[in-house]
Amino acid sequence: MRRLATDPLPAIVPGMDDFESKVREALANPKNQGELTDADAVGTVGSPDCGDMLRMWLKFTEKDGKRVIDRASFQAFGCQTAIAVASMATELLKGKTAEEAGKLSASDLTGELGPLPPMKIHCGQLVEGALRSALGQGTETAPAVDSAPTLSAGFAKPAGKIRIVPLEDSQPS
């Protein structure tokens, strides 16, 4: 029997089916995805190993005399796991002070996804890096942001004209 590309892969790692279903669930209904235009802080990180990029926006408010994260959002160019982890993390951050958020590890930020498989650990680290960047290395005072452009705004149209030059065949016919 031939396997289709849409068929699930057989479970090689115990618990992988559960992890994959949680990732699919998070992707079907991602939370807090997109730019937060009135953000107080923004952090951007990229992974040269896999090409993933993630930007996280934070909005603070005063609650019980403390400055806490009221809202967090993200924008990601990367794999599904990075998007799922970022979605979970933005929910976990609500109500935390910058100090409390700065103490969260990559594994803490995965939330209900649980432990990441070894080949996906970098996704949690990407989200942790964006958070730390937004927090200004975990300081209590997060850096202010006048505007937080989207990641796609960094991709400008090429200047000038593109010229296509055919390569000559070095092998005699």
Protein backbone atom coordinates (compact mmCIF):
# COMPACT_ATOMS: atom_id res chain seq x y z
CA MET A 1 0.00 0.00 0.00
CA ARG A 2 1.38 3.38 -1.01
CA ARG A 3 1.58 6.14 1.59
CA LEU A 4 0.32 9.60 0.64
CA ALA A 5 2.15 12.80 1.62
CA THR A 6 -0.88 13.75 3.73
CA ASP A 7 -0.81 10.49 5.71
CA PRO A 8 0.68 10.81 9.20
CA LEU A 9 4.13 9.33 9.64
CA PRO A 10 4.40 6.26 11.82
CA ALA A 11 5.30 7.11 15.42
CA ILE A 12 9.03 6.55 15.80
CA VAL A 13 9.43 8.57 18.98
CA PRO A 14 7.04 7.78 21.86
CA GLY A 15 4.63 10.66 22.47
CA MET A 16 5.33 12.18 19.04
CA ASP A 17 1.72 11.69 17.89
CA ASP A 18 0.50 13.70 20.89
CA PHE A 19 3.05 16.45 20.25
CA GLU A 20 2.16 16.64 16.55
CA SER A 21 -1.56 16.84 17.31
CA LYS A 22 -0.92 19.70 19.78
CA VAL A 23 1.15 21.55 17.16
CA ARG A 24 -1.60 21.05 14.56
CA GLU A 25 -4.16 22.33 17.07
CA ALA A 26 -2.04 25.42 17.85
CA LEU A 27 -1.59 26.11 14.13
CA ALA A 28 -5.30 25.73 13.41
CA ASN A 29 -6.05 28.51 15.89
CA PRO A 30 -2.87 30.52 16.52
CA LYS A 31 -3.16 33.06 19.30
CA ASN A 32 -1.77 36.61 19.16
CA GLN A 33 -0.28 36.38 15.70
CA GLY A 34 0.55 39.66 14.00
CA GLU A 35 1.95 43.09 14.70
CA LEU A 36 1.02 44.90 17.91
CA THR A 37 1.06 48.51 16.71
CA ASP A 38 1.04 50.11 20.16
CA ALA A 39 3.75 47.87 21.61
CA ASP A 40 6.05 49.12 24.35
CA ALA A 41 8.83 46.71 23.37
CA VAL A 42 9.79 44.54 20.43
CA GLY A 43 12.42 41.84 20.00
CA THR A 44 13.59 40.10 16.85
CA VAL A 45 15.79 37.04 16.47
CA GLY A 46 16.79 34.76 13.63
CA SER A 47 18.39 31.35 13.47
CA PRO A 48 21.16 30.95 10.90
CA ASP A 49 20.93 27.16 11.33
CA CYS A 50 17.39 26.84 9.96
CA GLY A 51 16.54 30.26 8.55
CA ASP A 52 13.66 30.87 10.99
CA MET A 53 12.97 34.44 12.15
CA LEU A 54 10.67 35.58 14.91
CA ARG A 55 9.57 38.99 16.15
CA MET A 56 7.72 39.46 19.45
CA TRP A 57 5.83 42.54 20.59
CA LEU A 58 5.01 43.31 24.25
CA LYS A 59 2.50 45.79 25.68
CA PHE A 60 2.70 46.59 29.40
CA THR A 61 0.10 47.89 31.85
CA GLU A 62 -0.02 48.76 35.55
CA LYS A 63 -1.68 46.16 37.76
CA ASP A 64 -1.58 46.17 41.57
CA GLY A 65 1.32 48.62 41.50
CA LYS A 66 3.39 46.47 39.13
CA ARG A 67 4.20 46.85 35.46
CA VAL A 68 2.98 43.62 33.84
CA ILE A 69 2.62 42.30 30.31
CA ASP A 70 -0.90 43.04 29.18
CA ARG A 71 -0.56 41.68 25.65
CA ALA A 72 2.07 39.88 23.61
CA SER A 73 2.04 39.05 19.92
CA PHE A 74 4.40 37.56 17.39
CA GLN A 75 5.20 37.25 13.73
CA ALA A 76 7.20 34.28 12.51
CA PHE A 77 8.89 33.14 9.36
CA GLY A 78 9.69 29.56 10.13
CA CYS A 79 8.54 26.09 10.82
CA GLN A 80 5.20 25.14 12.29
CA THR A 81 6.68 24.29 15.68
CA ALA A 82 8.18 27.79 16.06
CA ILE A 83 4.76 29.30 15.29
CA ALA A 84 3.03 26.96 17.76
CA VAL A 85 5.56 27.70 20.54
CA ALA A 86 5.27 31.47 19.94
CA SER A 87 1.49 31.21 20.12
CA MET A 88 1.67 29.33 23.43
CA ALA A 89 4.30 31.70 24.84
CA THR A 90 2.29 34.85 24.13
CA GLU A 91 -0.55 33.42 26.20
CA LEU A 92 1.79 32.43 29.06
CA LEU A 93 3.31 35.93 29.24
CA LYS A 94 0.08 37.75 30.07
CA GLY A 95 0.11 39.13 33.63
CA LYS A 96 3.84 38.51 34.19
CA THR A 97 6.30 41.26 35.09
CA ALA A 98 9.33 41.73 32.86
CA GLU A 99 11.42 40.11 35.60
CA GLU A 100 9.13 37.05 35.80
CA ALA A 101 9.01 36.74 32.00
CA GLY A 102 12.80 37.04 31.78
CA LYS A 103 13.18 34.00 34.05
CA LEU A 104 11.16 31.75 31.72
CA SER A 105 13.21 29.19 29.83
CA ALA A 106 12.61 27.88 26.33
CA SER A 107 11.01 24.76 27.81
CA ASP A 108 8.72 26.89 30.04
CA LEU A 109 7.55 28.84 26.99
CA THR A 110 6.34 25.72 25.17
CA GLY A 111 3.34 25.61 27.50
CA GLU A 112 0.83 22.87 26.73
CA LEU A 113 2.95 21.58 23.85
CA GLY A 114 5.18 20.00 26.45
CA PRO A 115 8.81 19.05 25.85
CA LEU A 116 10.00 19.62 22.30
CA PRO A 117 11.58 16.78 20.33
CA PRO A 118 15.38 17.10 20.03
CA MET A 119 15.20 18.32 16.42
CA LYS A 120 12.77 21.11 17.44
CA ILE A 121 14.48 22.46 20.57
CA HIS A 122 15.78 25.43 18.55
CA CYS A 123 12.15 26.57 18.08
CA GLY A 124 11.75 27.14 21.82
CA GLN A 125 15.13 28.85 21.92
CA LEU A 126 14.03 31.15 19.08
CA VAL A 127 10.95 32.25 21.04
CA GLU A 128 13.01 32.67 24.21
CA GLY A 129 15.52 34.80 22.28
CA ALA A 130 12.80 37.08 20.89
CA LEU A 131 11.35 37.51 24.38
CA ARG A 132 14.75 38.33 25.89
CA SER A 133 15.42 40.77 23.06
CA ALA A 134 12.09 42.52 23.70
CA LEU A 135 12.83 42.66 27.42
CA GLY A 136 16.22 44.24 26.82
CA GLN A 137 18.13 41.32 28.38
CA GLY A 138 15.50 40.81 31.08
CA THR A 139 15.72 44.26 32.64
CA GLU A 140 12.65 45.58 34.47
CA THR A 141 12.37 48.51 32.08
CA ALA A 142 11.67 47.26 28.60
CA PRO A 143 12.88 49.47 25.76
CA ALA A 144 10.28 51.81 24.28
CA VAL A 145 9.33 51.37 20.65
CA ASP A 146 8.06 54.18 18.43
CA SER A 147 7.08 51.80 15.67
CA ALA A 148 7.63 48.13 15.15
CA PRO A 149 7.77 47.35 11.44
CA THR A 150 6.76 43.93 10.26
CA LEU A 151 9.43 41.47 9.22
CA SER A 152 8.24 41.60 5.63
CA ALA A 153 8.90 45.35 5.55
CA GLY A 154 12.61 44.50 5.65
CA PHE A 155 12.37 42.80 2.26
CA ALA A 156 12.69 45.70 -0.16
CA LYS A 157 12.30 45.39 -3.90
CA PRO A 158 15.65 44.99 -5.65
CA ALA A 159 17.03 48.26 -6.97
CA GLY A 160 17.66 48.47 -10.70
CA LYS A 161 16.97 45.85 -13.30
CA ILE A 162 17.66 42.15 -13.11
CA ARG A 163 19.56 40.71 -16.02
CA ILE A 164 19.51 37.00 -16.75
CA VAL A 165 22.67 35.71 -18.38
CA PRO A 166 22.58 32.15 -19.76
CA LEU A 167 25.54 29.98 -18.86
CA GLU A 168 27.49 28.44 -21.69
CA ASP A 169 27.83 24.68 -21.75
CA SER A 170 31.47 23.87 -21.02
CA GLN A 171 31.13 20.36 -22.49
CA PRO A 172 31.55 20.09 -26.28
CA SER A 173 28.45 18.64 -27.99
